[in-house]
C-alpha cells in the first residue's frame, strides 16, 4: 500500500469517528451536577476516577489546547472567560474550567477541520499545495464556526434577557411597594422564577451570602451581564441598597424604557422585512415588465416585426 492510500484511509477513519461522535454523543457525566455539593469533610464530591489514558494524556491535551487557543484568540483569558460567562456556558463550573473546556473544543474543531479538508483534497486527487490549502481552510473554517457559535449564544441569551427583564422589573417594583427590602424582594422573585435574569439575581444573592455587600454583589453581576438593560437594573438595586432611593419608581421607569426599546426594535425589524419582501418583486417581476414594455418598440420605431 502506498503512503497516499494509508493517509486517505486514516483520514476517512478519523472523519467517520468524528461523525459517529456527533451523532451518538458520550454519556453525560454527573460531575458537573455534583460539583456544587461538598462532603462534610470539606472534600468535593466527585464522580468515578478518570481512566489512565485521561490522566496521562489529559494534561498534555489541555496544555496544547491552551497554547493553540491563545494564538487563535489573542484577546486574553479574562476576555474569553467573560464571553463564556455571558453565553451561559457551563454555569456551574469555574472560569478556569470553562476556559479550558472551550480551548479543548477549539482544538478538536481545528483537528477535525484540518482532517476533513485533507480528506477532501486527497479524494479529489488534488496537488500537494491544493491539499495543504484545503487543510488550512478547513481548520480556519472549523475554528471560526466555534467562535461564531459562541457569539450567537451570547446574542440569543441577550435577547432572552431583554424579554425577561421587563417582567422582572415589574415584579421587583411590586415587592418593594409591598414593603420589602432590596434583598428580600430579590429573594422572593428568585424563589419562584426561572430564567436567565433570575439566574443572575441568584448569583448576586450567592455572592452576598459568600461575604460581599449587597451593593458589591449587584455591581459585580452588572459588570458581567451581556444585556445593558439588566445592567441598569442591577446598578439601581445596588444604589438603592447603599443610598436609599425610590426603587419602585426607578424599576417601573426602567421597565418602560425596555418596552419602548423593544417596540422600536420590532418596528425596525418589520421595516427590514418589508424591504426584503420587495426584492423578489424588483428582481423577478420588474425585468419581465420591462420586456413587455420594450417588446413593441422596434415595430413602433422602424416598422420591423
C-alpha atoms as a PDB file:
ATOM      1  CA  UNK A   1       0.000   0.000   0.000  1.00  0.00           C
ATOM      2  CA  UNK A   2       1.287   3.453  -0.880  1.00  0.00           C
ATOM      3  CA  UNK A   3       1.560   6.185   1.774  1.00  0.00           C
ATOM      4  CA  UNK A   4      -1.157   8.139  -0.008  1.00  0.00           C
ATOM      5  CA  UNK A   5      -3.629   5.278   0.410  1.00  0.00           C
ATOM      6  CA  UNK A   6      -2.707   4.893   4.097  1.00  0.00           C
ATOM      7  CA  UNK A   7      -3.172   8.621   4.677  1.00  0.00           C
ATOM      8  CA  UNK A   8      -6.541   8.564   2.906  1.00  0.00           C
ATOM      9  CA  UNK A   9      -7.663   5.568   4.985  1.00  0.00           C
ATOM     10  CA  UNK A  10      -6.622   7.252   8.240  1.00  0.00           C
ATOM     11  CA  UNK A  11      -8.369  10.483   7.257  1.00  0.00           C
ATOM     12  CA  UNK A  12     -11.557   8.623   6.331  1.00  0.00           C
ATOM     13  CA  UNK A  13     -11.499   6.695   9.602  1.00  0.00           C
ATOM     14  CA  UNK A  14     -10.995   9.905  11.593  1.00  0.00           C
ATOM     15  CA  UNK A  15     -13.858  11.661   9.819  1.00  0.00           C
ATOM     16  CA  UNK A  16     -16.136   8.641  10.336  1.00  0.00           C
ATOM     17  CA  UNK A  17     -15.248   8.567  14.049  1.00  0.00           C
ATOM     18  CA  UNK A  18     -15.983  12.284  14.352  1.00  0.00           C
ATOM     19  CA  UNK A  19     -19.357  11.899  12.642  1.00  0.00           C
ATOM     20  CA  UNK A  20     -20.261   8.992  14.935  1.00  0.00           C
ATOM     21  CA  UNK A  21     -19.201  11.021  17.969  1.00  0.00           C
ATOM     22  CA  UNK A  22     -21.508  13.872  16.881  1.00  0.00           C
ATOM     23  CA  UNK A  23     -24.435  11.565  16.093  1.00  0.00           C
ATOM     24  CA  UNK A  24     -24.034   9.392  19.212  1.00  0.00           C
ATOM     25  CA  UNK A  25     -22.575  11.646  21.934  1.00  0.00           C
ATOM     26  CA  UNK A  26     -20.970  10.049  25.002  1.00  0.00           C
ATOM     27  CA  UNK A  27     -22.915   9.504  28.219  1.00  0.00           C
ATOM     28  CA  UNK A  28     -23.192  12.734  30.246  1.00  0.00           C
ATOM     29  CA  UNK A  29     -21.107  12.820  33.410  1.00  0.00           C
ATOM     30  CA  UNK A  30     -22.559  13.546  36.826  1.00  0.00           C
ATOM     31  CA  UNK A  31     -19.517  15.547  37.923  1.00  0.00           C
ATOM     32  CA  UNK A  32     -20.883  18.979  36.811  1.00  0.00           C
ATOM     33  CA  UNK A  33     -24.105  18.358  38.763  1.00  0.00           C
ATOM     34  CA  UNK A  34     -22.375  17.094  41.889  1.00  0.00           C
ATOM     35  CA  UNK A  35     -19.567  19.664  41.930  1.00  0.00           C
ATOM     36  CA  UNK A  36     -21.504  22.371  43.837  1.00  0.00           C
ATOM     37  CA  UNK A  37     -22.146  19.949  46.705  1.00  0.00           C
ATOM     38  CA  UNK A  38     -19.399  19.438  49.238  1.00  0.00           C
ATOM     39  CA  UNK A  39     -18.893  16.476  51.505  1.00  0.00           C
ATOM     40  CA  UNK A  40     -18.959  17.028  55.308  1.00  0.00           C
ATOM     41  CA  UNK A  41     -15.196  16.601  55.464  1.00  0.00           C
ATOM     42  CA  UNK A  42     -14.724  19.544  53.092  1.00  0.00           C
ATOM     43  CA  UNK A  43     -13.691  17.428  50.103  1.00  0.00           C
ATOM     44  CA  UNK A  44     -15.809  17.964  46.980  1.00  0.00           C
ATOM     45  CA  UNK A  45     -17.879  15.007  45.893  1.00  0.00           C
ATOM     46  CA  UNK A  46     -16.576  13.811  42.523  1.00  0.00           C
ATOM     47  CA  UNK A  47     -17.548  11.114  40.105  1.00  0.00           C
ATOM     48  CA  UNK A  48     -15.626   7.977  39.419  1.00  0.00           C
ATOM     49  CA  UNK A  49     -11.875   8.436  38.873  1.00  0.00           C
ATOM     50  CA  UNK A  50     -10.703   9.138  35.353  1.00  0.00           C
ATOM     51  CA  UNK A  51      -9.098   6.429  33.271  1.00  0.00           C
ATOM     52  CA  UNK A  52      -5.362   6.032  32.987  1.00  0.00           C
ATOM     53  CA  UNK A  53      -5.412   7.373  29.415  1.00  0.00           C
ATOM     54  CA  UNK A  54      -7.237  10.533  30.536  1.00  0.00           C
ATOM     55  CA  UNK A  55      -4.839  11.046  33.438  1.00  0.00           C
ATOM     56  CA  UNK A  56      -1.786  10.651  31.189  1.00  0.00           C
ATOM     57  CA  UNK A  57      -2.856  12.475  28.029  1.00  0.00           C
ATOM     58  CA  UNK A  58      -5.443  14.880  29.515  1.00  0.00           C
ATOM     59  CA  UNK A  59      -2.955  17.464  30.876  1.00  0.00           C
ATOM     60  CA  UNK A  60      -0.933  17.385  27.647  1.00  0.00           C
ATOM     61  CA  UNK A  61      -4.050  17.910  25.507  1.00  0.00           C
ATOM     62  CA  UNK A  62      -5.234  20.763  27.739  1.00  0.00           C
ATOM     63  CA  UNK A  63      -1.820  22.421  27.630  1.00  0.00           C
ATOM     64  CA  UNK A  64      -1.701  22.092  23.848  1.00  0.00           C
ATOM     65  CA  UNK A  65      -5.253  23.409  23.556  1.00  0.00           C
ATOM     66  CA  UNK A  66      -4.360  26.408  25.738  1.00  0.00           C
ATOM     67  CA  UNK A  67      -1.258  27.199  23.678  1.00  0.00           C
ATOM     68  CA  UNK A  68      -3.136  26.903  20.381  1.00  0.00           C
ATOM     69  CA  UNK A  69      -6.149  28.809  21.705  1.00  0.00           C
ATOM     70  CA  UNK A  70      -4.019  31.760  22.782  1.00  0.00           C
ATOM     71  CA  UNK A  71      -2.734  32.040  19.234  1.00  0.00           C
ATOM     72  CA  UNK A  72      -6.229  31.794  17.782  1.00  0.00           C
ATOM     73  CA  UNK A  73      -7.837  34.217  20.266  1.00  0.00           C
ATOM     74  CA  UNK A  74      -5.234  36.725  21.457  1.00  0.00           C
ATOM     75  CA  UNK A  75      -7.775  38.773  23.445  1.00  0.00           C
ATOM     76  CA  UNK A  76      -6.745  37.014  26.667  1.00  0.00           C
ATOM     77  CA  UNK A  77      -8.096  34.523  29.168  1.00  0.00           C
ATOM     78  CA  UNK A  78     -10.114  37.124  31.100  1.00  0.00           C
ATOM     79  CA  UNK A  79     -11.927  38.316  27.981  1.00  0.00           C
ATOM     80  CA  UNK A  80     -12.716  34.747  26.920  1.00  0.00           C
ATOM     81  CA  UNK A  81     -13.936  33.882  30.421  1.00  0.00           C
ATOM     82  CA  UNK A  82     -16.222  36.914  30.343  1.00  0.00           C
ATOM     83  CA  UNK A  83     -17.688  35.942  26.956  1.00  0.00           C
ATOM     84  CA  UNK A  84     -18.226  32.334  28.072  1.00  0.00           C
ATOM     85  CA  UNK A  85     -19.954  33.589  31.197  1.00  0.00           C
ATOM     86  CA  UNK A  86     -22.159  35.874  29.102  1.00  0.00           C
ATOM     87  CA  UNK A  87     -23.030  32.984  26.766  1.00  0.00           C
ATOM     88  CA  UNK A  88     -24.111  30.829  29.730  1.00  0.00           C
ATOM     89  CA  UNK A  89     -21.616  28.020  29.051  1.00  0.00           C
ATOM     90  CA  UNK A  90     -21.249  25.589  31.969  1.00  0.00           C
ATOM     91  CA  UNK A  91     -22.840  27.867  34.604  1.00  0.00           C
ATOM     92  CA  UNK A  92     -21.811  25.589  37.486  1.00  0.00           C
ATOM     93  CA  UNK A  93     -18.134  25.462  36.514  1.00  0.00           C
ATOM     94  CA  UNK A  94     -15.419  27.960  37.381  1.00  0.00           C
ATOM     95  CA  UNK A  95     -13.807  30.334  34.935  1.00  0.00           C
ATOM     96  CA  UNK A  96     -10.646  28.238  34.558  1.00  0.00           C
ATOM     97  CA  UNK A  97     -12.591  25.033  33.874  1.00  0.00           C
ATOM     98  CA  UNK A  98     -14.890  26.849  31.464  1.00  0.00           C
ATOM     99  CA  UNK A  99     -11.995  28.358  29.510  1.00  0.00           C
ATOM    100  CA  UNK A 100     -10.080  25.045  29.446  1.00  0.00           C
ATOM    101  CA  UNK A 101     -13.144  23.201  28.102  1.00  0.00           C
ATOM    102  CA  UNK A 102     -13.630  25.809  25.379  1.00  0.00           C
ATOM    103  CA  UNK A 103      -9.956  25.616  24.392  1.00  0.00           C
ATOM    104  CA  UNK A 104     -10.219  21.844  24.059  1.00  0.00           C
ATOM    105  CA  UNK A 105     -13.334  22.317  21.935  1.00  0.00           C
ATOM    106  CA  UNK A 106     -11.422  24.716  19.693  1.00  0.00           C
ATOM    107  CA  UNK A 107      -8.532  22.264  19.334  1.00  0.00           C
ATOM    108  CA  UNK A 108     -10.936  19.443  18.471  1.00  0.00           C
ATOM    109  CA  UNK A 109     -12.628  21.597  15.818  1.00  0.00           C
ATOM    110  CA  UNK A 110      -9.234  22.600  14.421  1.00  0.00           C
ATOM    111  CA  UNK A 111      -8.145  18.960  14.127  1.00  0.00           C
ATOM    112  CA  UNK A 112     -11.356  17.690  12.535  1.00  0.00           C
ATOM    113  CA  UNK A 113     -11.497  20.647  10.132  1.00  0.00           C
ATOM    114  CA  UNK A 114      -7.925  20.033   9.005  1.00  0.00           C
ATOM    115  CA  UNK A 115      -8.542  16.294   8.592  1.00  0.00           C
ATOM    116  CA  UNK A 116     -11.750  16.924   6.662  1.00  0.00           C
ATOM    117  CA  UNK A 117     -10.039  19.413   4.364  1.00  0.00           C
ATOM    118  CA  UNK A 118      -7.178  16.996   3.739  1.00  0.00           C
ATOM    119  CA  UNK A 119      -9.563  14.135   3.053  1.00  0.00           C
ATOM    120  CA  UNK A 120     -11.481  16.236   0.513  1.00  0.00           C
ATOM    121  CA  UNK A 121      -8.259  17.226  -1.234  1.00  0.00           C
ATOM    122  CA  UNK A 122      -6.970  13.654  -1.394  1.00  0.00           C
ATOM    123  CA  UNK A 123     -10.292  12.308  -2.619  1.00  0.00           C
ATOM    124  CA  UNK A 124     -10.251  14.883  -5.455  1.00  0.00           C
ATOM    125  CA  UNK A 125      -6.674  13.906  -6.392  1.00  0.00           C
ATOM    126  CA  UNK A 126      -5.553  17.491  -5.944  1.00  0.00           C
ATOM    127  CA  UNK A 127      -1.954  18.607  -5.928  1.00  0.00           C
ATOM    128  CA  UNK A 128       0.059  18.970  -2.729  1.00  0.00           C
ATOM    129  CA  UNK A 129      -0.328  22.790  -2.496  1.00  0.00           C
ATOM    130  CA  UNK A 130      -4.062  22.428  -3.061  1.00  0.00           C
ATOM    131  CA  UNK A 131      -4.324  19.770  -0.324  1.00  0.00           C
ATOM    132  CA  UNK A 132      -2.407  21.988   2.099  1.00  0.00           C
ATOM    133  CA  UNK A 133      -4.668  24.905   1.205  1.00  0.00           C
ATOM    134  CA  UNK A 134      -7.755  22.799   1.890  1.00  0.00           C
ATOM    135  CA  UNK A 135      -6.298  21.654   5.218  1.00  0.00           C
ATOM    136  CA  UNK A 136      -5.688  25.241   6.321  1.00  0.00           C
ATOM    137  CA  UNK A 137      -9.100  26.356   5.027  1.00  0.00           C
ATOM    138  CA  UNK A 138     -10.865  23.517   6.863  1.00  0.00           C
ATOM    139  CA  UNK A 139      -9.066  24.308  10.107  1.00  0.00           C
ATOM    140  CA  UNK A 140      -9.820  28.037   9.877  1.00  0.00           C
ATOM    141  CA  UNK A 141     -13.470  27.395   8.988  1.00  0.00           C
ATOM    142  CA  UNK A 142     -13.926  24.986  11.906  1.00  0.00           C
ATOM    143  CA  UNK A 143     -12.375  27.401  14.409  1.00  0.00           C
ATOM    144  CA  UNK A 144     -14.476  30.248  13.028  1.00  0.00           C
ATOM    145  CA  UNK A 145     -17.574  28.086  13.372  1.00  0.00           C
ATOM    146  CA  UNK A 146     -16.835  27.508  17.065  1.00  0.00           C
ATOM    147  CA  UNK A 147     -16.274  31.215  17.617  1.00  0.00           C
ATOM    148  CA  UNK A 148     -19.436  32.088  15.693  1.00  0.00           C
ATOM    149  CA  UNK A 149     -21.429  29.642  17.797  1.00  0.00           C
ATOM    150  CA  UNK A 150     -20.165  31.417  20.926  1.00  0.00           C
ATOM    151  CA  UNK A 151     -21.198  34.825  19.587  1.00  0.00           C
ATOM    152  CA  UNK A 152     -24.627  33.502  18.593  1.00  0.00           C
ATOM    153  CA  UNK A 153     -25.090  32.046  22.081  1.00  0.00           C
ATOM    154  CA  UNK A 154     -24.299  35.449  23.605  1.00  0.00           C
ATOM    155  CA  UNK A 155     -26.765  37.200  21.293  1.00  0.00           C
ATOM    156  CA  UNK A 156     -29.531  34.647  21.931  1.00  0.00           C
ATOM    157  CA  UNK A 157     -29.034  34.945  25.688  1.00  0.00           C
ATOM    158  CA  UNK A 158     -29.103  38.747  25.395  1.00  0.00           C
ATOM    159  CA  UNK A 159     -32.425  38.591  23.551  1.00  0.00           C
ATOM    160  CA  UNK A 160     -33.940  36.278  26.160  1.00  0.00           C
ATOM    161  CA  UNK A 161     -32.796  38.571  28.964  1.00  0.00           C
ATOM    162  CA  UNK A 162     -34.214  41.605  27.165  1.00  0.00           C
ATOM    163  CA  UNK A 163     -37.601  39.874  27.088  1.00  0.00           C
ATOM    164  CA  UNK A 164     -37.432  38.745  30.723  1.00  0.00           C
ATOM    165  CA  UNK A 165     -36.184  41.954  32.350  1.00  0.00           C
ATOM    166  CA  UNK A 166     -39.446  43.827  31.697  1.00  0.00           C
ATOM    167  CA  UNK A 167     -41.426  41.379  33.834  1.00  0.00           C
ATOM    168  CA  UNK A 168     -38.672  41.084  36.457  1.00  0.00           C
ATOM    169  CA  UNK A 169     -38.563  44.869  36.940  1.00  0.00           C
ATOM    170  CA  UNK A 170     -42.303  44.994  37.474  1.00  0.00           C
ATOM    171  CA  UNK A 171     -42.247  42.088  39.931  1.00  0.00           C
ATOM    172  CA  UNK A 172     -39.416  43.698  41.901  1.00  0.00           C
ATOM    173  CA  UNK A 173     -41.306  47.009  41.958  1.00  0.00           C
ATOM    174  CA  UNK A 174     -44.391  45.198  43.253  1.00  0.00           C
ATOM    175  CA  UNK A 175     -42.379  43.509  46.015  1.00  0.00           C
ATOM    176  CA  UNK A 176     -40.717  46.772  47.013  1.00  0.00           C
ATOM    177  CA  UNK A 177     -44.042  48.636  47.087  1.00  0.00           C
ATOM    178  CA  UNK A 178     -45.374  45.907  49.375  1.00  0.00           C
ATOM    179  CA  UNK A 179     -42.764  46.890  51.937  1.00  0.00           C
ATOM    180  CA  UNK A 180     -39.830  44.558  51.278  1.00  0.00           C
ATOM    181  CA  UNK A 181     -36.164  45.491  51.238  1.00  0.00           C
ATOM    182  CA  UNK A 182     -33.960  45.004  48.189  1.00  0.00           C
ATOM    183  CA  UNK A 183     -32.546  41.636  49.178  1.00  0.00           C
ATOM    184  CA  UNK A 184     -35.916  40.391  50.415  1.00  0.00           C
ATOM    185  CA  UNK A 185     -37.651  41.368  47.156  1.00  0.00           C
ATOM    186  CA  UNK A 186     -34.943  39.726  45.052  1.00  0.00           C
ATOM    187  CA  UNK A 187     -35.049  36.558  47.157  1.00  0.00           C
ATOM    188  CA  UNK A 188     -38.826  36.298  46.715  1.00  0.00           C
ATOM    189  CA  UNK A 189     -38.507  36.686  42.940  1.00  0.00           C
ATOM    190  CA  UNK A 190     -35.740  34.092  42.523  1.00  0.00           C
ATOM    191  CA  UNK A 191     -37.555  31.612  44.756  1.00  0.00           C
ATOM    192  CA  UNK A 192     -40.492  31.499  42.321  1.00  0.00           C
ATOM    193  CA  UNK A 193     -38.983  32.453  38.977  1.00  0.00           C
ATOM    194  CA  UNK A 194     -36.873  30.777  36.322  1.00  0.00           C
ATOM    195  CA  UNK A 195     -34.793  32.207  33.509  1.00  0.00           C
ATOM    196  CA  UNK A 196     -31.567  33.964  32.662  1.00  0.00           C
ATOM    197  CA  UNK A 197     -32.242  37.143  34.645  1.00  0.00           C
ATOM    198  CA  UNK A 198     -33.358  35.125  37.668  1.00  0.00           C
ATOM    199  CA  UNK A 199     -30.125  33.132  37.448  1.00  0.00           C
ATOM    200  CA  UNK A 200     -28.066  36.332  37.568  1.00  0.00           C
ATOM    201  CA  UNK A 201     -30.097  37.637  40.504  1.00  0.00           C
ATOM    202  CA  UNK A 202     -29.490  34.327  42.254  1.00  0.00           C
ATOM    203  CA  UNK A 203     -25.769  34.725  41.562  1.00  0.00           C
ATOM    204  CA  UNK A 204     -25.843  38.144  43.231  1.00  0.00           C
ATOM    205  CA  UNK A 205     -27.577  36.678  46.281  1.00  0.00           C
ATOM    206  CA  UNK A 206     -24.987  33.890  46.408  1.00  0.00           C
ATOM    207  CA  UNK A 207     -22.146  36.423  46.277  1.00  0.00           C
ATOM    208  CA  UNK A 208     -23.752  38.352  49.132  1.00  0.00           C
ATOM    209  CA  UNK A 209     -24.047  35.226  51.250  1.00  0.00           C
ATOM    210  CA  UNK A 210     -20.406  34.457  50.462  1.00  0.00           C
ATOM    211  CA  UNK A 211     -19.273  37.699  52.110  1.00  0.00           C
ATOM    212  CA  UNK A 212     -19.858  40.601  49.710  1.00  0.00           C
ATOM    213  CA  UNK A 213     -22.113  43.507  50.454  1.00  0.00           C
ATOM    214  CA  UNK A 214     -25.363  43.752  48.542  1.00  0.00           C
ATOM    215  CA  UNK A 215     -24.097  46.720  46.517  1.00  0.00           C
ATOM    216  CA  UNK A 216     -20.842  44.963  45.591  1.00  0.00           C
ATOM    217  CA  UNK A 217     -22.654  41.760  44.611  1.00  0.00           C
ATOM    218  CA  UNK A 218     -25.100  43.514  42.281  1.00  0.00           C
ATOM    219  CA  UNK A 219     -22.339  45.697  40.841  1.00  0.00           C
ATOM    220  CA  UNK A 220     -20.258  42.627  40.003  1.00  0.00           C
ATOM    221  CA  UNK A 221     -23.208  40.950  38.273  1.00  0.00           C
ATOM    222  CA  UNK A 222     -23.906  44.197  36.383  1.00  0.00           C
ATOM    223  CA  UNK A 223     -20.331  44.270  35.078  1.00  0.00           C
ATOM    224  CA  UNK A 224     -20.593  40.733  33.658  1.00  0.00           C
ATOM    225  CA  UNK A 225     -24.103  40.687  32.175  1.00  0.00           C
ATOM    226  CA  UNK A 226     -24.410  40.899  28.366  1.00  0.00           C
ATOM    227  CA  UNK A 227     -27.617  42.972  28.386  1.00  0.00           C
ATOM    228  CA  UNK A 228     -27.415  46.685  29.145  1.00  0.00           C
ATOM    229  CA  UNK A 229     -30.996  46.875  30.451  1.00  0.00           C
ATOM    230  CA  UNK A 230     -30.193  44.190  33.033  1.00  0.00           C
ATOM    231  CA  UNK A 231     -27.010  46.038  33.998  1.00  0.00           C
ATOM    232  CA  UNK A 232     -29.038  49.206  34.675  1.00  0.00           C
ATOM    233  CA  UNK A 233     -31.445  47.248  36.858  1.00  0.00           C
ATOM    234  CA  UNK A 234     -28.640  45.655  38.883  1.00  0.00           C
ATOM    235  CA  UNK A 235     -26.897  49.007  39.387  1.00  0.00           C
ATOM    236  CA  UNK A 236     -30.188  50.541  40.509  1.00  0.00           C
ATOM    237  CA  UNK A 237     -30.597  47.750  43.058  1.00  0.00           C
ATOM    238  CA  UNK A 238     -27.051  48.353  44.297  1.00  0.00           C
ATOM    239  CA  UNK A 239     -27.628  52.118  44.637  1.00  0.00           C
ATOM    240  CA  UNK A 240     -30.990  51.561  46.356  1.00  0.00           C
ATOM    241  CA  UNK A 241     -29.420  49.296  48.981  1.00  0.00           C
ATOM    242  CA  UNK A 242     -26.443  51.582  49.515  1.00  0.00           C
ATOM    243  CA  UNK A 243     -28.026  55.040  49.451  1.00  0.00           C
ATOM    244  CA  UNK A 244     -31.758  54.512  49.587  1.00  0.00           C
ATOM    245  CA  UNK A 245     -33.769  55.782  46.589  1.00  0.00           C
ATOM    246  CA  UNK A 246     -37.303  55.414  45.290  1.00  0.00           C
ATOM    247  CA  UNK A 247     -36.644  51.921  43.962  1.00  0.00           C
ATOM    248  CA  UNK A 248     -40.161  51.103  42.772  1.00  0.00           C
ATOM    249  CA  UNK A 249     -40.434  54.196  40.586  1.00  0.00           C
ATOM    250  CA  UNK A 250     -36.974  53.573  39.134  1.00  0.00           C
ATOM    251  CA  UNK A 251     -37.770  49.942  38.326  1.00  0.00           C
ATOM    252  CA  UNK A 252     -41.035  50.907  36.614  1.00  0.00           C
ATOM    253  CA  UNK A 253     -39.207  53.573  34.604  1.00  0.00           C
ATOM    254  CA  UNK A 254     -36.603  51.023  33.512  1.00  0.00           C
ATOM    255  CA  UNK A 255     -39.373  48.607  32.536  1.00  0.00           C
ATOM    256  CA  UNK A 256     -40.981  51.284  30.363  1.00  0.00           C
ATOM    257  CA  UNK A 257     -37.619  52.051  28.737  1.00  0.00           C
ATOM    258  CA  UNK A 258     -37.170  48.376  27.909  1.00  0.00           C
ATOM    259  CA  UNK A 259     -40.686  48.245  26.469  1.00  0.00           C
ATOM    260  CA  UNK A 260     -40.055  51.295  24.271  1.00  0.00           C
ATOM    261  CA  UNK A 261     -36.716  49.886  23.112  1.00  0.00           C
ATOM    262  CA  UNK A 262     -38.334  46.574  22.176  1.00  0.00           C
ATOM    263  CA  UNK A 263     -41.135  48.387  20.339  1.00  0.00           C
ATOM    264  CA  UNK A 264     -38.613  50.386  18.301  1.00  0.00           C
ATOM    265  CA  UNK A 265     -36.593  47.235  17.575  1.00  0.00           C
ATOM    266  CA  UNK A 266     -39.745  45.482  16.342  1.00  0.00           C
ATOM    267  CA  UNK A 267     -40.569  48.456  14.089  1.00  0.00           C
ATOM    268  CA  UNK A 268     -37.081  48.395  12.585  1.00  0.00           C
ATOM    269  CA  UNK A 269     -37.287  44.631  12.064  1.00  0.00           C
ATOM    270  CA  UNK A 270     -40.675  44.995  10.371  1.00  0.00           C
ATOM    271  CA  UNK A 271     -39.275  47.696   8.062  1.00  0.00           C
ATOM    272  CA  UNK A 272     -36.345  45.496   7.081  1.00  0.00           C
ATOM    273  CA  UNK A 273     -38.663  42.563   6.375  1.00  0.00           C
ATOM    274  CA  UNK A 274     -40.887  44.746   4.247  1.00  0.00           C
ATOM    275  CA  UNK A 275     -37.872  45.836   2.263  1.00  0.00           C
ATOM    276  CA  UNK A 276     -36.763  42.212   1.917  1.00  0.00           C
ATOM    277  CA  UNK A 277     -40.197  41.283   0.565  1.00  0.00           C
ATOM    278  CA  UNK A 278     -39.721  43.813  -2.250  1.00  0.00           C
ATOM    279  CA  UNK A 279     -36.579  42.093  -3.501  1.00  0.00           C
ATOM    280  CA  UNK A 280     -38.412  39.262  -5.371  1.00  0.00           C
ATOM    281  CA  UNK A 281     -40.730  41.807  -6.925  1.00  0.00           C
ATOM    282  CA  UNK A 282     -37.907  44.018  -8.123  1.00  0.00           C
ATOM    283  CA  UNK A 283     -35.581  41.192  -9.181  1.00  0.00           C
ATOM    284  CA  UNK A 284     -38.143  38.960 -10.954  1.00  0.00           C
ATOM    285  CA  UNK A 285     -41.201  40.922 -11.959  1.00  0.00           C
ATOM    286  CA  UNK A 286     -39.525  44.192 -12.956  1.00  0.00           C
ATOM    287  CA  UNK A 287     -37.364  42.657 -15.756  1.00  0.00           C
ATOM    288  CA  UNK A 288     -40.418  40.824 -17.116  1.00  0.00           C
ATOM    289  CA  UNK A 289     -42.434  44.049 -17.086  1.00  0.00           C
ATOM    290  CA  UNK A 290     -39.633  45.881 -18.888  1.00  0.00           C
ATOM    291  CA  UNK A 291     -39.551  43.176 -21.568  1.00  0.00           C
ATOM    292  CA  UNK A 292     -43.301  43.542 -22.202  1.00  0.00           C
ATOM    293  CA  UNK A 293     -42.943  47.331 -22.379  1.00  0.00           C
ATOM    294  CA  UNK A 294     -39.903  47.220 -24.676  1.00  0.00           C
ATOM    295  CA  UNK A 295     -41.259  44.478 -26.989  1.00  0.00           C
ATOM    296  CA  UNK A 296     -43.324  46.786 -29.320  1.00  0.00           C
ATOM    297  CA  UNK A 297     -40.630  49.470 -29.502  1.00  0.00           C
ATOM    298  CA  UNK A 298     -38.855  48.059 -32.633  1.00  0.00           C
ATOM    299  CA  UNK A 299     -42.182  47.923 -34.525  1.00  0.00           C
ATOM    300  CA  UNK A 300     -43.192  51.427 -33.429  1.00  0.00           C
ATOM    301  CA  UNK A 301     -39.846  52.957 -34.338  1.00  0.00           C
ATOM    302  CA  UNK A 302     -38.836  51.053 -37.510  1.00  0.00           C
ATOM    303  CA  UNK A 303     -41.914  49.120 -38.516  1.00  0.00           C
ATOM    304  CA  UNK A 304     -39.937  45.865 -38.186  1.00  0.00           C
ATOM    305  CA  UNK A 305     -41.873  42.886 -36.983  1.00  0.00           C
END
